Amino acid sequence: MKPIEDFSNWLTDMDSGWWPLVNLRPQKNKNIDNTVLFKITPFFGSVSGVIIFFLCEGSYSILNFTLSLLLGWVAFFIVYKFSFAIAWNRRASRLRAAENPK
């Protein structure tokens, strides 16, 4: 699990991965909570939704586009929440514990 966590954190530490929302990235000792995810989901989830829309062959309609965006938002939120956010939050917890030894 540690190599996966380290790789995930290496990716999320890169400014390019957060562009253009770098200012929303929390400090390494702060959790990525639902508030942060709700703020970044409209941007990154929309990118995912547009990709989904163009990958689904068939009718290119406003309804399909809207549904693809919605699916992209939900998919981004869930995937990020249960992958990168978990790795980030585990590291943040360790960093906070190291800052405040008992």
N, C-alpha and C. Protein backbone atom coordinates (compact mmCIF):
# COMPACT_ATOMS: atom_id res chain seq x y z
N MET A 1 0.83 -1.20 0.00
CA MET A 1 0.00 0.00 0.00
C MET A 1 0.87 1.26 0.00
N LYS A 2 2.00 1.22 0.71
CA LYS A 2 2.86 2.39 0.81
C LYS A 2 3.37 2.88 -0.55
N PRO A 3 3.81 2.00 -1.46
CA PRO A 3 4.26 2.50 -2.77
C PRO A 3 3.14 3.19 -3.55
N ILE A 4 1.93 2.67 -3.45
CA ILE A 4 0.80 3.30 -4.14
C ILE A 4 0.51 4.66 -3.52
N GLU A 5 0.54 4.71 -2.21
CA GLU A 5 0.31 5.98 -1.51
C GLU A 5 1.38 7.00 -1.87
N ASP A 6 2.62 6.57 -1.89
CA ASP A 6 3.73 7.48 -2.25
C ASP A 6 3.58 7.99 -3.68
N PHE A 7 3.22 7.11 -4.59
CA PHE A 7 3.03 7.52 -5.98
C PHE A 7 1.86 8.51 -6.10
N SER A 8 0.76 8.22 -5.42
CA SER A 8 -0.40 9.11 -5.46
C SER A 8 -0.04 10.49 -4.90
N ASN A 9 0.69 10.51 -3.81
CA ASN A 9 1.08 11.78 -3.22
C ASN A 9 2.09 12.53 -4.10
N TRP A 10 2.95 11.79 -4.76
CA TRP A 10 3.89 12.43 -5.70
C TRP A 10 3.10 13.14 -6.81
N LEU A 11 2.06 12.47 -7.31
CA LEU A 11 1.23 13.08 -8.35
C LEU A 11 0.49 14.31 -7.83
N THR A 12 -0.10 14.21 -6.65
CA THR A 12 -0.89 15.33 -6.13
C THR A 12 -0.02 16.47 -5.62
N ASP A 13 1.26 16.22 -5.42
CA ASP A 13 2.16 17.30 -5.01
C ASP A 13 2.57 18.19 -6.18
N MET A 14 2.39 17.73 -7.39
CA MET A 14 2.79 18.50 -8.57
C MET A 14 1.80 19.63 -8.84
N ASP A 15 2.33 20.83 -9.02
CA ASP A 15 1.48 21.97 -9.33
C ASP A 15 0.70 21.75 -10.63
N SER A 16 1.32 21.10 -11.59
CA SER A 16 0.66 20.91 -12.89
C SER A 16 -0.60 20.06 -12.77
N GLY A 17 -0.66 19.18 -11.78
CA GLY A 17 -1.84 18.37 -11.57
C GLY A 17 -3.02 19.15 -11.00
N TRP A 18 -2.73 20.28 -10.41
CA TRP A 18 -3.78 21.11 -9.81
C TRP A 18 -4.11 22.33 -10.68
N TRP A 19 -3.32 22.55 -11.71
CA TRP A 19 -3.54 23.73 -12.54
C TRP A 19 -4.94 23.67 -13.14
N PRO A 20 -5.69 24.74 -13.16
CA PRO A 20 -5.45 26.10 -12.71
C PRO A 20 -5.95 26.36 -11.29
N LEU A 21 -6.11 25.33 -10.51
CA LEU A 21 -6.69 25.45 -9.17
C LEU A 21 -5.66 25.20 -8.08
N VAL A 22 -4.42 25.57 -8.33
CA VAL A 22 -3.33 25.31 -7.38
C VAL A 22 -3.63 25.95 -6.02
N ASN A 23 -4.28 27.09 -6.03
CA ASN A 23 -4.57 27.77 -4.77
C ASN A 23 -5.56 27.00 -3.89
N LEU A 24 -6.24 26.01 -4.44
CA LEU A 24 -7.19 25.20 -3.66
C LEU A 24 -6.52 23.99 -3.00
N ARG A 25 -5.29 23.69 -3.40
CA ARG A 25 -4.60 22.53 -2.82
C ARG A 25 -4.25 22.85 -1.37
N PRO A 26 -4.66 21.98 -0.46
CA PRO A 26 -4.34 22.23 0.96
C PRO A 26 -2.86 21.99 1.25
N GLN A 27 -2.42 22.48 2.40
CA GLN A 27 -1.06 22.19 2.83
C GLN A 27 -0.95 20.69 3.05
N LYS A 28 0.28 20.19 3.00
CA LYS A 28 0.48 18.74 3.09
C LYS A 28 -0.01 18.16 4.41
N ASN A 29 -0.09 18.97 5.45
CA ASN A 29 -0.54 18.45 6.74
C ASN A 29 -2.05 18.68 6.97
N LYS A 30 -2.74 19.14 5.96
CA LYS A 30 -4.20 19.34 6.02
C LYS A 30 -4.89 18.32 5.12
N ASN A 31 -6.04 17.85 5.54
CA ASN A 31 -6.78 16.85 4.77
C ASN A 31 -7.41 17.45 3.52
N ILE A 32 -7.57 16.59 2.52
CA ILE A 32 -8.44 16.91 1.39
C ILE A 32 -9.81 16.41 1.80
N ASP A 33 -10.67 17.34 2.17
CA ASP A 33 -12.00 16.96 2.64
C ASP A 33 -13.02 17.20 1.52
N ASN A 34 -14.28 16.97 1.83
CA ASN A 34 -15.33 17.15 0.83
C ASN A 34 -15.43 18.58 0.34
N THR A 35 -15.11 19.55 1.18
CA THR A 35 -15.15 20.95 0.76
C THR A 35 -14.17 21.20 -0.38
N VAL A 36 -12.97 20.71 -0.23
CA VAL A 36 -11.97 20.85 -1.29
C VAL A 36 -12.44 20.12 -2.54
N LEU A 37 -12.95 18.92 -2.36
CA LEU A 37 -13.42 18.15 -3.51
C LEU A 37 -14.58 18.84 -4.23
N PHE A 38 -15.50 19.42 -3.48
CA PHE A 38 -16.62 20.14 -4.11
C PHE A 38 -16.13 21.35 -4.89
N LYS A 39 -15.04 21.95 -4.46
CA LYS A 39 -14.49 23.11 -5.17
C LYS A 39 -13.77 22.73 -6.46
N ILE A 40 -13.09 21.59 -6.48
CA ILE A 40 -12.34 21.21 -7.67
C ILE A 40 -13.14 20.36 -8.65
N THR A 41 -14.22 19.76 -8.18
CA THR A 41 -15.02 18.88 -9.04
C THR A 41 -15.62 19.59 -10.25
N PRO A 42 -16.16 20.80 -10.14
CA PRO A 42 -16.72 21.42 -11.36
C PRO A 42 -15.70 21.55 -12.49
N PHE A 43 -14.45 21.82 -12.17
CA PHE A 43 -13.45 21.95 -13.23
C PHE A 43 -13.03 20.58 -13.75
N PHE A 44 -12.47 19.75 -12.87
CA PHE A 44 -11.93 18.47 -13.32
C PHE A 44 -13.04 17.48 -13.71
N GLY A 45 -14.17 17.55 -13.03
CA GLY A 45 -15.31 16.70 -13.40
C GLY A 45 -15.88 17.08 -14.75
N SER A 46 -15.85 18.37 -15.09
CA SER A 46 -16.31 18.81 -16.41
C SER A 46 -15.40 18.29 -17.51
N VAL A 47 -14.09 18.31 -17.24
CA VAL A 47 -13.15 17.75 -18.21
C VAL A 47 -13.46 16.27 -18.42
N SER A 48 -13.69 15.56 -17.33
CA SER A 48 -14.04 14.14 -17.42
C SER A 48 -15.35 13.96 -18.19
N GLY A 49 -16.32 14.80 -17.91
CA GLY A 49 -17.62 14.71 -18.57
C GLY A 49 -17.53 14.95 -20.07
N VAL A 50 -16.73 15.90 -20.49
CA VAL A 50 -16.56 16.17 -21.92
C VAL A 50 -15.90 14.97 -22.60
N ILE A 51 -14.92 14.38 -21.93
CA ILE A 51 -14.27 13.18 -22.48
C ILE A 51 -15.29 12.05 -22.61
N ILE A 52 -16.10 11.86 -21.58
CA ILE A 52 -17.15 10.83 -21.63
C ILE A 52 -18.10 11.09 -22.79
N PHE A 53 -18.49 12.35 -22.96
CA PHE A 53 -19.43 12.72 -24.03
C PHE A 53 -18.89 12.34 -25.40
N PHE A 54 -17.61 12.66 -25.65
CA PHE A 54 -17.05 12.37 -26.97
C PHE A 54 -16.69 10.90 -27.16
N LEU A 55 -16.48 10.18 -26.06
CA LEU A 55 -16.20 8.74 -26.18
C LEU A 55 -17.46 7.93 -26.45
N CYS A 56 -18.60 8.47 -26.03
CA CYS A 56 -19.88 7.77 -26.25
C CYS A 56 -20.39 8.13 -27.64
N GLU A 57 -20.27 7.19 -28.54
CA GLU A 57 -20.74 7.44 -29.90
C GLU A 57 -22.26 7.41 -29.92
N GLY A 58 -22.81 8.14 -30.82
CA GLY A 58 -24.26 8.15 -30.95
C GLY A 58 -24.77 9.56 -31.07
N SER A 59 -25.82 9.83 -30.36
CA SER A 59 -26.50 11.12 -30.45
C SER A 59 -25.77 12.18 -29.63
N TYR A 60 -25.29 13.20 -30.33
CA TYR A 60 -24.67 14.33 -29.64
C TYR A 60 -25.74 15.39 -29.40
N SER A 61 -26.43 15.26 -28.29
CA SER A 61 -27.50 16.19 -27.96
C SER A 61 -27.16 16.91 -26.66
N ILE A 62 -27.90 17.95 -26.39
CA ILE A 62 -27.72 18.72 -25.15
C ILE A 62 -27.99 17.82 -23.94
N LEU A 63 -29.00 16.98 -24.04
CA LEU A 63 -29.32 16.08 -22.94
C LEU A 63 -28.15 15.13 -22.67
N ASN A 64 -27.61 14.54 -23.73
CA ASN A 64 -26.46 13.63 -23.54
C ASN A 64 -25.25 14.37 -22.99
N PHE A 65 -25.04 15.60 -23.46
CA PHE A 65 -23.93 16.40 -22.96
C PHE A 65 -24.11 16.69 -21.47
N THR A 66 -25.31 17.08 -21.08
CA THR A 66 -25.60 17.37 -19.67
C THR A 66 -25.43 16.13 -18.80
N LEU A 67 -25.94 15.00 -19.28
CA LEU A 67 -25.78 13.75 -18.53
C LEU A 67 -24.32 13.33 -18.43
N SER A 68 -23.56 13.56 -19.49
CA SER A 68 -22.13 13.24 -19.47
C SER A 68 -21.40 14.12 -18.46
N LEU A 69 -21.75 15.40 -18.42
CA LEU A 69 -21.14 16.30 -17.42
C LEU A 69 -21.47 15.84 -16.01
N LEU A 70 -22.72 15.52 -15.77
CA LEU A 70 -23.13 15.05 -14.45
C LEU A 70 -22.39 13.77 -14.08
N LEU A 71 -22.31 12.84 -15.01
CA LEU A 71 -21.58 11.60 -14.77
C LEU A 71 -20.10 11.89 -14.52
N GLY A 72 -19.53 12.82 -15.26
CA GLY A 72 -18.13 13.19 -15.07
C GLY A 72 -17.89 13.76 -13.68
N TRP A 73 -18.79 14.61 -13.21
CA TRP A 73 -18.65 15.19 -11.87
C TRP A 73 -18.72 14.11 -10.80
N VAL A 74 -19.74 13.25 -10.90
CA VAL A 74 -19.91 12.19 -9.90
C VAL A 74 -18.72 11.24 -9.93
N ALA A 75 -18.33 10.83 -11.13
CA ALA A 75 -17.21 9.89 -11.27
C ALA A 75 -15.92 10.50 -10.73
N PHE A 76 -15.64 11.76 -11.08
CA PHE A 76 -14.43 12.40 -10.58
C PHE A 76 -14.43 12.45 -9.05
N PHE A 77 -15.54 12.90 -8.48
CA PHE A 77 -15.63 13.03 -7.03
C PHE A 77 -15.38 11.69 -6.34
N ILE A 78 -16.04 10.65 -6.82
CA ILE A 78 -15.92 9.32 -6.18
C ILE A 78 -14.52 8.75 -6.36
N VAL A 79 -14.01 8.80 -7.58
CA VAL A 79 -12.68 8.24 -7.83
C VAL A 79 -11.61 8.99 -7.03
N TYR A 80 -11.68 10.32 -7.03
CA TYR A 80 -10.68 11.10 -6.30
C TYR A 80 -10.80 10.87 -4.79
N LYS A 81 -12.03 10.84 -4.31
CA LYS A 81 -12.29 10.65 -2.88
C LYS A 81 -11.70 9.34 -2.36
N PHE A 82 -11.83 8.28 -3.16
CA PHE A 82 -11.40 6.96 -2.70
C PHE A 82 -10.05 6.53 -3.26
N SER A 83 -9.29 7.47 -3.77
CA SER A 83 -7.94 7.15 -4.23
C SER A 83 -6.97 8.22 -3.73
N PHE A 84 -6.86 9.32 -4.45
CA PHE A 84 -5.88 10.34 -4.12
C PHE A 84 -6.14 10.99 -2.76
N ALA A 85 -7.39 11.24 -2.43
CA ALA A 85 -7.69 11.88 -1.14
C ALA A 85 -7.31 10.98 0.03
N ILE A 86 -7.53 9.69 -0.11
CA ILE A 86 -7.15 8.77 0.97
C ILE A 86 -5.64 8.79 1.19
N ALA A 87 -4.89 8.73 0.09
CA ALA A 87 -3.42 8.77 0.21
C ALA A 87 -2.96 10.08 0.82
N TRP A 88 -3.51 11.19 0.35
CA TRP A 88 -3.15 12.51 0.88
C TRP A 88 -3.47 12.60 2.37
N ASN A 89 -4.65 12.16 2.76
CA ASN A 89 -5.10 12.28 4.15
C ASN A 89 -4.29 11.39 5.09
N ARG A 90 -3.86 10.24 4.61
CA ARG A 90 -3.00 9.38 5.43
C ARG A 90 -1.67 10.08 5.71
N ARG A 91 -1.09 10.70 4.68
CA ARG A 91 0.16 11.44 4.86
C ARG A 91 -0.07 12.65 5.77
N ALA A 92 -1.16 13.35 5.58
CA ALA A 92 -1.46 14.53 6.41
C ALA A 92 -1.57 14.13 7.87
N SER A 93 -2.20 13.01 8.13
CA SER A 93 -2.33 12.52 9.50
C SER A 93 -0.96 12.23 10.12
N ARG A 94 -0.09 11.58 9.36
CA ARG A 94 1.26 11.30 9.86
C ARG A 94 2.04 12.58 10.11
N LEU A 95 1.91 13.56 9.21
CA LEU A 95 2.63 14.83 9.38
C LEU A 95 2.12 15.58 10.61
N ARG A 96 0.81 15.57 10.83
CA ARG A 96 0.27 16.23 12.02
C ARG A 96 0.76 15.54 13.30
N ALA A 97 0.81 14.21 13.26
CA ALA A 97 1.29 13.46 14.44
C ALA A 97 2.76 13.77 14.71
N ALA A 98 3.55 13.93 13.67
CA ALA A 98 4.97 14.26 13.85
C ALA A 98 5.15 15.69 14.38
N GLU A 99 4.24 16.59 14.00
CA GLU A 99 4.32 17.97 14.48
C GLU A 99 3.92 18.10 15.94
N ASN A 100 3.03 17.23 16.38
CA ASN A 100 2.50 17.29 17.75
C ASN A 100 2.74 15.98 18.49
N PRO A 101 3.99 15.65 18.79
CA PRO A 101 4.23 14.39 19.51
C PRO A 101 3.67 14.49 20.94
N LYS A 102 3.19 13.37 21.43
CA LYS A 102 2.59 13.36 22.77
C LYS A 102 3.57 12.87 23.79
